[in-house]
Amino acid sequence: MDKKDLLGLHVGIGEVIENGKTLGECIFDLEIVMMPSGKIEAEGVINEVTAGKINFEGKETQFRLSGILNRGERFYTTEFDCKISPATYPKFIVVDTEELFKNLQEYKED
């Protein structure tokens, strides 16, 4: 799967994990973009908390998202580290997009 095929906006659902502890589940948007330099970056926003307590307002932290991404008819499982700070809130930044791609697997129901 070519990384360029994954550029654009994805909707996801997954667990938010901070310091090894699951804080809850959420629905999030993730945008994967190619910079003019050719480097691929990703950022997103948590749209809705569906379980647990997730509140990063006014906080600088790193957390892990583990879940399913959807775009069109395709679904993917992945997990990746994110960082958020008062300067970026409510957006989070994916720390290492290579990790996102490395962990990416096409999801198929049995």
PDB file of N, CA and C in Angstrom:
ATOM      1  N   MET A   1       0.849  -1.168   0.000  1.00  0.00           N
ATOM      2  CA  MET A   1       0.000   0.000   0.000  1.00  0.00           C
ATOM      3  C   MET A   1       0.898   1.236   0.000  1.00  0.00           C
ATOM      4  N   ASP A   2       0.697   2.123  -0.933  1.00  0.00           N
ATOM      5  CA  ASP A   2       1.500   3.329  -1.064  1.00  0.00           C
ATOM      6  C   ASP A   2       1.009   4.390  -0.084  1.00  0.00           C
ATOM      7  N   LYS A   3       1.938   5.047   0.590  1.00  0.00           N
ATOM      8  CA  LYS A   3       1.577   6.077   1.571  1.00  0.00           C
ATOM      9  C   LYS A   3       0.763   7.196   0.931  1.00  0.00           C
ATOM     10  N   LYS A   4       1.074   7.522  -0.314  1.00  0.00           N
ATOM     11  CA  LYS A   4       0.361   8.615  -0.985  1.00  0.00           C
ATOM     12  C   LYS A   4      -1.122   8.300  -1.143  1.00  0.00           C
ATOM     13  N   ASP A   5      -1.469   7.013  -1.195  1.00  0.00           N
ATOM     14  CA  ASP A   5      -2.875   6.620  -1.298  1.00  0.00           C
ATOM     15  C   ASP A   5      -3.643   6.904  -0.014  1.00  0.00           C
ATOM     16  N   LEU A   6      -2.923   7.122   1.075  1.00  0.00           N
ATOM     17  CA  LEU A   6      -3.566   7.350   2.368  1.00  0.00           C
ATOM     18  C   LEU A   6      -3.641   8.822   2.751  1.00  0.00           C
ATOM     19  N   LEU A   7      -3.172   9.701   1.871  1.00  0.00           N
ATOM     20  CA  LEU A   7      -3.267  11.131   2.159  1.00  0.00           C
ATOM     21  C   LEU A   7      -4.729  11.540   2.208  1.00  0.00           C
ATOM     22  N   GLY A   8      -5.041  12.489   3.075  1.00  0.00           N
ATOM     23  CA  GLY A   8      -6.404  12.994   3.168  1.00  0.00           C
ATOM     24  C   GLY A   8      -6.982  12.805   4.560  1.00  0.00           C
ATOM     25  N   LEU A   9      -8.289  12.991   4.644  1.00  0.00           N
ATOM     26  CA  LEU A   9      -8.997  12.959   5.917  1.00  0.00           C
ATOM     27  C   LEU A   9      -9.560  11.569   6.186  1.00  0.00           C
ATOM     28  N   HIS A  10      -9.348  11.087   7.388  1.00  0.00           N
ATOM     29  CA  HIS A  10      -9.852   9.789   7.837  1.00  0.00           C
ATOM     30  C   HIS A  10     -10.674  10.000   9.105  1.00  0.00           C
ATOM     31  N   VAL A  11     -11.664   9.170   9.316  1.00  0.00           N
ATOM     32  CA  VAL A  11     -12.425   9.148  10.558  1.00  0.00           C
ATOM     33  C   VAL A  11     -11.985   7.906  11.310  1.00  0.00           C
ATOM     34  N   GLY A  12     -11.826   8.032  12.619  1.00  0.00           N
ATOM     35  CA  GLY A  12     -11.375   6.890  13.395  1.00  0.00           C
ATOM     36  C   GLY A  12     -12.141   6.727  14.687  1.00  0.00           C
ATOM     37  N   ILE A  13     -12.064   5.544  15.234  1.00  0.00           N
ATOM     38  CA  ILE A  13     -12.590   5.256  16.562  1.00  0.00           C
ATOM     39  C   ILE A  13     -11.549   4.403  17.260  1.00  0.00           C
ATOM     40  N   GLY A  14     -11.278   4.730  18.520  1.00  0.00           N
ATOM     41  CA  GLY A  14     -10.257   3.951  19.198  1.00  0.00           C
ATOM     42  C   GLY A  14     -10.073   4.330  20.642  1.00  0.00           C
ATOM     43  N   GLU A  15      -9.128   3.656  21.265  1.00  0.00           N
ATOM     44  CA  GLU A  15      -8.794   3.882  22.662  1.00  0.00           C
ATOM     45  C   GLU A  15      -7.715   4.947  22.772  1.00  0.00           C
ATOM     46  N   VAL A  16      -7.841   5.768  23.819  1.00  0.00           N
ATOM     47  CA  VAL A  16      -6.824   6.754  24.155  1.00  0.00           C
ATOM     48  C   VAL A  16      -6.071   6.218  25.371  1.00  0.00           C
ATOM     49  N   ILE A  17      -4.755   6.071  25.224  1.00  0.00           N
ATOM     50  CA  ILE A  17      -3.922   5.477  26.268  1.00  0.00           C
ATOM     51  C   ILE A  17      -2.859   6.496  26.665  1.00  0.00           C
ATOM     52  N   GLU A  18      -2.797   6.811  27.960  1.00  0.00           N
ATOM     53  CA  GLU A  18      -1.797   7.746  28.472  1.00  0.00           C
ATOM     54  C   GLU A  18      -1.027   7.060  29.594  1.00  0.00           C
ATOM     55  N   ASN A  19       0.290   7.035  29.487  1.00  0.00           N
ATOM     56  CA  ASN A  19       1.146   6.386  30.486  1.00  0.00           C
ATOM     57  C   ASN A  19       0.728   4.941  30.754  1.00  0.00           C
ATOM     58  N   GLY A  20       0.365   4.212  29.698  1.00  0.00           N
ATOM     59  CA  GLY A  20      -0.007   2.812  29.825  1.00  0.00           C
ATOM     60  C   GLY A  20      -1.405   2.558  30.358  1.00  0.00           C
ATOM     61  N   LYS A  21      -2.155   3.615  30.641  1.00  0.00           N
ATOM     62  CA  LYS A  21      -3.508   3.477  31.194  1.00  0.00           C
ATOM     63  C   LYS A  21      -4.535   3.940  30.157  1.00  0.00           C
ATOM     64  N   THR A  22      -5.545   3.111  29.910  1.00  0.00           N
ATOM     65  CA  THR A  22      -6.603   3.489  28.973  1.00  0.00           C
ATOM     66  C   THR A  22      -7.509   4.518  29.636  1.00  0.00           C
ATOM     67  N   LEU A  23      -7.585   5.712  29.031  1.00  0.00           N
ATOM     68  CA  LEU A  23      -8.438   6.775  29.559  1.00  0.00           C
ATOM     69  C   LEU A  23      -9.874   6.632  29.086  1.00  0.00           C
ATOM     70  N   GLY A  24     -10.040   6.093  27.892  1.00  0.00           N
ATOM     71  CA  GLY A  24     -11.378   5.948  27.334  1.00  0.00           C
ATOM     72  C   GLY A  24     -11.321   5.695  25.846  1.00  0.00           C
ATOM     73  N   GLU A  25     -12.487   5.815  25.228  1.00  0.00           N
ATOM     74  CA  GLU A  25     -12.610   5.634  23.781  1.00  0.00           C
ATOM     75  C   GLU A  25     -13.148   6.914  23.165  1.00  0.00           C
ATOM     76  N   CYS A  26     -12.812   7.125  21.896  1.00  0.00           N
ATOM     77  CA  CYS A  26     -13.247   8.354  21.237  1.00  0.00           C
ATOM     78  C   CYS A  26     -13.429   8.145  19.741  1.00  0.00           C
ATOM     79  N   ILE A  27     -14.124   9.092  19.156  1.00  0.00           N
ATOM     80  CA  ILE A  27     -14.224   9.221  17.702  1.00  0.00           C
ATOM     81  C   ILE A  27     -13.331  10.403  17.342  1.00  0.00           C
ATOM     82  N   PHE A  28     -12.483  10.228  16.338  1.00  0.00           N
ATOM     83  CA  PHE A  28     -11.542  11.289  15.983  1.00  0.00           C
ATOM     84  C   PHE A  28     -11.420  11.430  14.475  1.00  0.00           C
ATOM     85  N   ASP A  29     -10.967  12.595  14.055  1.00  0.00           N
ATOM     86  CA  ASP A  29     -10.593  12.839  12.667  1.00  0.00           C
ATOM     87  C   ASP A  29      -9.075  12.837  12.604  1.00  0.00           C
ATOM     88  N   LEU A  30      -8.523  12.313  11.532  1.00  0.00           N
ATOM     89  CA  LEU A  30      -7.081  12.296  11.317  1.00  0.00           C
ATOM     90  C   LEU A  30      -6.818  12.732   9.889  1.00  0.00           C
ATOM     91  N   GLU A  31      -6.006  13.770   9.738  1.00  0.00           N
ATOM     92  CA  GLU A  31      -5.650  14.246   8.406  1.00  0.00           C
ATOM     93  C   GLU A  31      -4.178  13.956   8.151  1.00  0.00           C
ATOM     94  N   ILE A  32      -3.917  13.255   7.060  1.00  0.00           N
ATOM     95  CA  ILE A  32      -2.554  12.912   6.660  1.00  0.00           C
ATOM     96  C   ILE A  32      -2.224  13.752   5.430  1.00  0.00           C
ATOM     97  N   VAL A  33      -1.160  14.555   5.527  1.00  0.00           N
ATOM     98  CA  VAL A  33      -0.820  15.485   4.446  1.00  0.00           C
ATOM     99  C   VAL A  33       0.646  15.337   4.050  1.00  0.00           C
ATOM    100  N   MET A  34       0.927  15.700   2.802  1.00  0.00           N
ATOM    101  CA  MET A  34       2.308  15.736   2.332  1.00  0.00           C
ATOM    102  C   MET A  34       2.735  17.198   2.275  1.00  0.00           C
ATOM    103  N   MET A  35       3.817  17.505   2.956  1.00  0.00           N
ATOM    104  CA  MET A  35       4.355  18.854   2.986  1.00  0.00           C
ATOM    105  C   MET A  35       5.079  19.131   1.659  1.00  0.00           C
ATOM    106  N   PRO A  36       5.312  20.415   1.331  1.00  0.00           N
ATOM    107  CA  PRO A  36       6.030  20.736   0.093  1.00  0.00           C
ATOM    108  C   PRO A  36       7.400  20.046   0.008  1.00  0.00           C
ATOM    109  N   SER A  37       7.997  19.762   1.158  1.00  0.00           N
ATOM    110  CA  SER A  37       9.301  19.086   1.183  1.00  0.00           C
ATOM    111  C   SER A  37       9.197  17.602   0.830  1.00  0.00           C
ATOM    112  N   GLY A  38       7.957  17.073   0.796  1.00  0.00           N
ATOM    113  CA  GLY A  38       7.749  15.652   0.534  1.00  0.00           C
ATOM    114  C   GLY A  38       7.543  14.837   1.798  1.00  0.00           C
ATOM    115  N   LYS A  39       7.787  15.462   2.956  1.00  0.00           N
ATOM    116  CA  LYS A  39       7.587  14.778   4.234  1.00  0.00           C
ATOM    117  C   LYS A  39       6.084  14.632   4.501  1.00  0.00           C
ATOM    118  N   ILE A  40       5.692  13.485   5.037  1.00  0.00           N
ATOM    119  CA  ILE A  40       4.286  13.249   5.364  1.00  0.00           C
ATOM    120  C   ILE A  40       4.081  13.496   6.853  1.00  0.00           C
ATOM    121  N   GLU A  41       3.067  14.296   7.172  1.00  0.00           N
ATOM    122  CA  GLU A  41       2.721  14.609   8.555  1.00  0.00           C
ATOM    123  C   GLU A  41       1.251  14.313   8.771  1.00  0.00           C
ATOM    124  N   ALA A  42       0.865  14.200  10.045  1.00  0.00           N
ATOM    125  CA  ALA A  42      -0.535  13.923  10.365  1.00  0.00           C
ATOM    126  C   ALA A  42      -0.923  14.646  11.648  1.00  0.00           C
ATOM    127  N   GLU A  43      -2.158  15.111  11.664  1.00  0.00           N
ATOM    128  CA  GLU A  43      -2.721  15.735  12.855  1.00  0.00           C
ATOM    129  C   GLU A  43      -4.204  15.411  12.893  1.00  0.00           C
ATOM    130  N   GLY A  44      -4.781  15.571  14.057  1.00  0.00           N
ATOM    131  CA  GLY A  44      -6.192  15.244  14.173  1.00  0.00           C
ATOM    132  C   GLY A  44      -6.848  15.957  15.330  1.00  0.00           C
ATOM    133  N   VAL A  45      -8.099  15.591  15.558  1.00  0.00           N
ATOM    134  CA  VAL A  45      -8.872  16.170  16.649  1.00  0.00           C
ATOM    135  C   VAL A  45      -9.837  15.109  17.171  1.00  0.00           C
ATOM    136  N   ILE A  46      -9.986  15.067  18.488  1.00  0.00           N
ATOM    137  CA  ILE A  46     -10.964  14.172  19.103  1.00  0.00           C
ATOM    138  C   ILE A  46     -12.317  14.861  19.013  1.00  0.00           C
ATOM    139  N   ASN A  47     -13.266  14.227  18.323  1.00  0.00           N
ATOM    140  CA  ASN A  47     -14.587  14.817  18.122  1.00  0.00           C
ATOM    141  C   ASN A  47     -15.562  14.488  19.237  1.00  0.00           C
ATOM    142  N   GLU A  48     -15.487  13.254  19.721  1.00  0.00           N
ATOM    143  CA  GLU A  48     -16.454  12.818  20.726  1.00  0.00           C
ATOM    144  C   GLU A  48     -15.841  11.735  21.600  1.00  0.00           C
ATOM    145  N   VAL A  49     -16.038  11.871  22.902  1.00  0.00           N
ATOM    146  CA  VAL A  49     -15.615  10.835  23.839  1.00  0.00           C
ATOM    147  C   VAL A  49     -16.790   9.877  23.993  1.00  0.00           C
ATOM    148  N   THR A  50     -16.580   8.606  23.674  1.00  0.00           N
ATOM    149  CA  THR A  50     -17.670   7.626  23.719  1.00  0.00           C
ATOM    150  C   THR A  50     -17.636   6.774  24.982  1.00  0.00           C
ATOM    151  N   ALA A  51     -16.522   6.774  25.695  1.00  0.00           N
ATOM    152  CA  ALA A  51     -16.417   6.036  26.959  1.00  0.00           C
ATOM    153  C   ALA A  51     -15.247   6.602  27.754  1.00  0.00           C
ATOM    154  N   GLY A  52     -15.362   6.612  29.064  1.00  0.00           N
ATOM    155  CA  GLY A  52     -14.282   7.087  29.919  1.00  0.00           C
ATOM    156  C   GLY A  52     -14.234   8.603  29.993  1.00  0.00           C
ATOM    157  N   LYS A  53     -13.095   9.102  30.500  1.00  0.00           N
ATOM    158  CA  LYS A  53     -12.887  10.547  30.638  1.00  0.00           C
ATOM    159  C   LYS A  53     -11.604  10.926  29.913  1.00  0.00           C
ATOM    160  N   ILE A  54     -11.761  11.756  28.906  1.00  0.00           N
ATOM    161  CA  ILE A  54     -10.613  12.241  28.144  1.00  0.00           C
ATOM    162  C   ILE A  54     -10.729  13.759  28.099  1.00  0.00           C
ATOM    163  N   ASN A  55      -9.798  14.446  28.742  1.00  0.00           N
ATOM    164  CA  ASN A  55      -9.820  15.905  28.733  1.00  0.00           C
ATOM    165  C   ASN A  55      -8.381  16.410  28.728  1.00  0.00           C
ATOM    166  N   PHE A  56      -7.941  16.884  27.585  1.00  0.00           N
ATOM    167  CA  PHE A  56      -6.582  17.383  27.445  1.00  0.00           C
ATOM    168  C   PHE A  56      -6.525  18.912  27.415  1.00  0.00           C
ATOM    169  N   GLU A  57      -7.625  19.580  27.687  1.00  0.00           N
ATOM    170  CA  GLU A  57      -7.659  21.042  27.648  1.00  0.00           C
ATOM    171  C   GLU A  57      -6.676  21.611  28.672  1.00  0.00           C
ATOM    172  N   GLY A  58      -5.812  22.526  28.210  1.00  0.00           N
ATOM    173  CA  GLY A  58      -4.841  23.172  29.078  1.00  0.00           C
ATOM    174  C   GLY A  58      -3.700  22.265  29.526  1.00  0.00           C
ATOM    175  N   LYS A  59      -3.538  21.123  28.891  1.00  0.00           N
ATOM    176  CA  LYS A  59      -2.554  20.129  29.306  1.00  0.00           C
ATOM    177  C   LYS A  59      -1.571  19.849  28.170  1.00  0.00           C
ATOM    178  N   GLU A  60      -0.316  19.657  28.538  1.00  0.00           N
ATOM    179  CA  GLU A  60       0.676  19.219  27.559  1.00  0.00           C
ATOM    180  C   GLU A  60       1.029  17.773  27.884  1.00  0.00           C
ATOM    181  N   THR A  61       0.785  16.880  26.954  1.00  0.00           N
ATOM    182  CA  THR A  61       1.018  15.462  27.215  1.00  0.00           C
ATOM    183  C   THR A  61       1.207  14.692  25.916  1.00  0.00           C
ATOM    184  N   GLN A  62       1.636  13.479  26.066  1.00  0.00           N
ATOM    185  CA  GLN A  62       1.738  12.555  24.940  1.00  0.00           C
ATOM    186  C   GLN A  62       0.828  11.372  25.255  1.00  0.00           C
ATOM    187  N   PHE A  63       0.111  10.881  24.245  1.00  0.00           N
ATOM    188  CA  PHE A  63      -0.790   9.751  24.433  1.00  0.00           C
ATOM    189  C   PHE A  63      -0.757   8.875  23.196  1.00  0.00           C
ATOM    190  N   ARG A  64      -1.377   7.726  23.292  1.00  0.00           N
ATOM    191  CA  ARG A  64      -1.395   6.763  22.189  1.00  0.00           C
ATOM    192  C   ARG A  64      -2.831   6.533  21.767  1.00  0.00           C
ATOM    193  N   LEU A  65      -3.074   6.545  20.472  1.00  0.00           N
ATOM    194  CA  LEU A  65      -4.371   6.179  19.908  1.00  0.00           C
ATOM    195  C   LEU A  65      -4.230   4.796  19.285  1.00  0.00           C
ATOM    196  N   SER A  66      -5.157   3.922  19.601  1.00  0.00           N
ATOM    197  CA  SER A  66      -5.156   2.565  19.065  1.00  0.00           C
ATOM    198  C   SER A  66      -6.565   2.254  18.598  1.00  0.00           C
ATOM    199  N   GLY A  67      -6.736   2.060  17.289  1.00  0.00           N
ATOM    200  CA  GLY A  67      -8.088   1.822  16.823  1.00  0.00           C
ATOM    201  C   GLY A  67      -8.197   1.580  15.335  1.00  0.00           C
ATOM    202  N   ILE A  68      -9.346   1.977  14.807  1.00  0.00           N
ATOM    203  CA  ILE A  68      -9.689   1.732  13.408  1.00  0.00           C
ATOM    204  C   ILE A  68      -9.876   3.061  12.689  1.00  0.00           C
ATOM    205  N   LEU A  69      -9.255   3.191  11.521  1.00  0.00           N
ATOM    206  CA  LEU A  69      -9.445   4.349  10.643  1.00  0.00           C
ATOM    207  C   LEU A  69     -10.351   3.946   9.492  1.00  0.00           C
ATOM    208  N   ASN A  70     -11.147   4.892   9.030  1.00  0.00           N
ATOM    209  CA  ASN A  70     -12.044   4.629   7.909  1.00  0.00           C
ATOM    210  C   ASN A  70     -11.939   5.764   6.913  1.00  0.00           C
ATOM    211  N   ARG A  71     -11.901   5.371   5.645  1.00  0.00           N
ATOM    212  CA  ARG A  71     -12.005   6.353   4.567  1.00  0.00           C
ATOM    213  C   ARG A  71     -12.698   5.657   3.415  1.00  0.00           C
ATOM    214  N   GLY A  72     -13.889   6.133   3.116  1.00  0.00           N
ATOM    215  CA  GLY A  72     -14.658   5.511   2.047  1.00  0.00           C
ATOM    216  C   GLY A  72     -15.066   4.108   2.433  1.00  0.00           C
ATOM    217  N   GLU A  73     -14.737   3.166   1.580  1.00  0.00           N
ATOM    218  CA  GLU A  73     -15.107   1.763   1.803  1.00  0.00           C
ATOM    219  C   GLU A  73     -14.013   0.968   2.521  1.00  0.00           C
ATOM    220  N   ARG A  74     -12.908   1.611   2.852  1.00  0.00           N
ATOM    221  CA  ARG A  74     -11.772   0.892   3.431  1.00  0.00           C
ATOM    222  C   ARG A  74     -11.626   1.191   4.915  1.00  0.00           C
ATOM    223  N   PHE A  75     -11.224   0.154   5.646  1.00  0.00           N
ATOM    224  CA  PHE A  75     -10.976   0.263   7.074  1.00  0.00           C
ATOM    225  C   PHE A  75      -9.564  -0.230   7.360  1.00  0.00           C
ATOM    226  N   TYR A  76      -8.890   0.427   8.307  1.00  0.00           N
ATOM    227  CA  TYR A  76      -7.527   0.064   8.681  1.00  0.00           C
ATOM    228  C   TYR A  76      -7.408   0.062  10.200  1.00  0.00           C
ATOM    229  N   THR A  77      -6.632  -0.866  10.750  1.00  0.00           N
ATOM    230  CA  THR A  77      -6.287  -0.814  12.163  1.00  0.00           C
ATOM    231  C   THR A  77      -4.886  -0.237  12.266  1.00  0.00           C
ATOM    232  N   THR A  78      -4.653   0.535  13.321  1.00  0.00           N
ATOM    233  CA  THR A  78      -3.328   1.093  13.555  1.00  0.00           C
ATOM    234  C   THR A  78      -3.251   1.618  14.977  1.00  0.00           C
ATOM    235  N   GLU A  79      -2.063   1.971  15.390  1.00  0.00           N
ATOM    236  CA  GLU A  79      -1.863   2.688  16.642  1.00  0.00           C
ATOM    237  C   GLU A  79      -0.651   3.578  16.472  1.00  0.00           C
ATOM    238  N   PHE A  80      -0.694   4.713  17.179  1.00  0.00           N
ATOM    239  CA  PHE A  80       0.361   5.696  17.007  1.00  0.00           C
ATOM    240  C   PHE A  80       0.356   6.658  18.185  1.00  0.00           C
ATOM    241  N   ASP A  81       1.530   7.253  18.443  1.00  0.00           N
ATOM    242  CA  ASP A  81       1.675   8.223  19.523  1.00  0.00           C
ATOM    243  C   ASP A  81       1.340   9.621  19.024  1.00  0.00           C
ATOM    244  N   CYS A  82       0.717  10.390  19.909  1.00  0.00           N
ATOM    245  CA  CYS A  82       0.313  11.760  19.601  1.00  0.00           C
ATOM    246  C   CYS A  82       0.771  12.675  20.726  1.00  0.00           C
ATOM    247  N   LYS A  83       0.907  13.948  20.412  1.00  0.00           N
ATOM    248  CA  LYS A  83       1.171  14.929  21.457  1.00  0.00           C
ATOM    249  C   LYS A  83       0.158  16.053  21.315  1.00  0.00           C
ATOM    250  N   ILE A  84      -0.155  16.660  22.447  1.00  0.00           N
ATOM    251  CA  ILE A  84      -1.109  17.759  22.476  1.00  0.00           C
ATOM    252  C   ILE A  84      -0.609  18.761  23.506  1.00  0.00           C
ATOM    253  N   SER A  85      -0.885  20.029  23.270  1.00  0.00           N
ATOM    254  CA  SER A  85      -0.466  21.075  24.198  1.00  0.00           C
ATOM    255  C   SER A  85      -1.497  22.194  24.156  1.00  0.00           C
ATOM    256  N   PRO A  86      -1.439  23.119  25.109  1.00  0.00           N
ATOM    257  CA  PRO A  86      -2.375  24.247  25.064  1.00  0.00           C
ATOM    258  C   PRO A  86      -2.281  25.032  23.749  1.00  0.00           C
ATOM    259  N   ALA A  87      -1.101  25.031  23.120  1.00  0.00           N
ATOM    260  CA  ALA A  87      -0.926  25.760  21.854  1.00  0.00           C
ATOM    261  C   ALA A  87      -1.627  25.071  20.690  1.00  0.00           C
ATOM    262  N   THR A  88      -1.759  23.743  20.738  1.00  0.00           N
ATOM    263  CA  THR A  88      -2.378  23.011  19.626  1.00  0.00           C
ATOM    264  C   THR A  88      -3.815  22.599  19.913  1.00  0.00           C
ATOM    265  N   TYR A  89      -4.217  22.576  21.194  1.00  0.00           N
ATOM    266  CA  TYR A  89      -5.551  22.097  21.577  1.00  0.00           C
ATOM    267  C   TYR A  89      -6.633  22.829  20.794  1.00  0.00           C
ATOM    268  N   PRO A  90      -7.619  22.169  20.229  1.00  0.00           N
ATOM    269  CA  PRO A  90      -8.016  20.776  20.416  1.00  0.00           C
ATOM    270  C   PRO A  90      -7.331  19.797  19.460  1.00  0.00           C
ATOM    271  N   LYS A  91      -6.402  20.288  18.645  1.00  0.00           N
ATOM    272  CA  LYS A  91      -5.715  19.388  17.707  1.00  0.00           C
ATOM    273  C   LYS A  91      -4.596  18.633  18.406  1.00  0.00           C
ATOM    274  N   PHE A  92      -4.381  17.400  17.955  1.00  0.00           N
ATOM    275  CA  PHE A  92      -3.210  16.637  18.375  1.00  0.00           C
ATOM    276  C   PHE A  92      -2.329  16.430  17.148  1.00  0.00           C
ATOM    277  N   ILE A  93      -1.052  16.240  17.390  1.00  0.00           N
ATOM    278  CA  ILE A  93      -0.068  16.029  16.336  1.00  0.00           C
ATOM    279  C   ILE A  93       0.446  14.594  16.454  1.00  0.00           C
ATOM    280  N   VAL A  94       0.500  13.875  15.347  1.00  0.00           N
ATOM    281  CA  VAL A  94       1.078  12.529  15.349  1.00  0.00           C
ATOM    282  C   VAL A  94       2.592  12.685  15.458  1.00  0.00           C
ATOM    283  N   VAL A  95       3.174  12.054  16.464  1.00  0.00           N
ATOM    284  CA  VAL A  95       4.602  12.200  16.747  1.00  0.00           C
ATOM    285  C   VAL A  95       5.454  11.643  15.608  1.00  0.00           C
ATOM    286  N   ASP A  96       5.114  10.467  15.114  1.00  0.00           N
ATOM    287  CA  ASP A  96       5.921   9.791  14.093  1.00  0.00           C
ATOM    288  C   ASP A  96       4.989   9.131  13.072  1.00  0.00           C
ATOM    289  N   THR A  97       4.814   9.763  11.926  1.00  0.00           N
ATOM    290  CA  THR A  97       3.898   9.194  10.928  1.00  0.00           C
ATOM    291  C   THR A  97       4.402   7.845  10.409  1.00  0.00           C
ATOM    292  N   GLU A  98       5.710   7.615  10.461  1.00  0.00           N
ATOM    293  CA  GLU A  98       6.236   6.310  10.039  1.00  0.00           C
ATOM    294  C   GLU A  98       5.676   5.199  10.930  1.00  0.00           C
ATOM    295  N   GLU A  99       5.526   5.483  12.222  1.00  0.00           N
ATOM    296  CA  GLU A  99       4.938   4.505  13.144  1.00  0.00           C
ATOM    297  C   GLU A  99       3.492   4.216  12.750  1.00  0.00           C
ATOM    298  N   LEU A 100       2.753   5.264  12.405  1.00  0.00           N
ATOM    299  CA  LEU A 100       1.359   5.105  11.972  1.00  0.00           C
ATOM    300  C   LEU A 100       1.289   4.158  10.778  1.00  0.00           C
ATOM    301  N   PHE A 101       2.137   4.373   9.780  1.00  0.00           N
ATOM    302  CA  PHE A 101       2.138   3.532   8.576  1.00  0.00           C
ATOM    303  C   PHE A 101       2.645   2.115   8.871  1.00  0.00           C
ATOM    304  N   LYS A 102       3.665   2.005   9.726  1.00  0.00           N
ATOM    305  CA  LYS A 102       4.232   0.697  10.060  1.00  0.00           C
ATOM    306  C   LYS A 102       3.182  -0.201  10.719  1.00  0.00           C
ATOM    307  N   ASN A 103       2.346   0.380  11.568  1.00  0.00           N
ATOM    308  CA  ASN A 103       1.332  -0.385  12.294  1.00  0.00           C
ATOM    309  C   ASN A 103       0.030  -0.555  11.511  1.00  0.00           C
ATOM    310  N   LEU A 104      -0.070   0.072  10.354  1.00  0.00           N
ATOM    311  CA  LEU A 104      -1.305   0.062   9.570  1.00  0.00           C
ATOM    312  C   LEU A 104      -1.560  -1.296   8.928  1.00  0.00           C
ATOM    313  N   GLN A 105      -2.756  -1.808   9.134  1.00  0.00           N
ATOM    314  CA  GLN A 105      -3.169  -3.072   8.518  1.00  0.00           C
ATOM    315  C   GLN A 105      -4.581  -2.888   7.985  1.00  0.00           C
ATOM    316  N   GLU A 106      -4.825  -3.386   6.801  1.00  0.00           N
ATOM    317  CA  GLU A 106      -6.189  -3.314   6.277  1.00  0.00           C
ATOM    318  C   GLU A 106      -7.069  -4.230   7.116  1.00  0.00           C
ATOM    319  N   TYR A 107      -8.211  -3.709   7.536  1.00  0.00           N
ATOM    320  CA  TYR A 107      -9.145  -4.450   8.385  1.00  0.00           C
ATOM    321  C   TYR A 107     -10.203  -5.101   7.514  1.00  0.00           C
ATOM    322  N   LYS A 108     -10.358  -6.389   7.690  1.00  0.00           N
ATOM    323  CA  LYS A 108     -11.386  -7.124   6.942  1.00  0.00           C
ATOM    324  C   LYS A 108     -12.178  -7.965   7.923  1.00  0.00           C
ATOM    325  N   GLU A 109     -13.497  -7.867   7.839  1.00  0.00           N
ATOM    326  CA  GLU A 109     -14.342  -8.691   8.702  1.00  0.00           C
ATOM    327  C   GLU A 109     -14.345 -10.118   8.192  1.00  0.00           C
ATOM    328  N   ASP A 110     -14.360 -11.059   9.118  1.00  0.00           N
ATOM    329  CA  ASP A 110     -14.389 -12.481   8.738  1.00  0.00           C
ATOM    330  C   ASP A 110     -15.758 -12.911   8.273  1.00  0.00           C
TER     331      ASP A 110
END
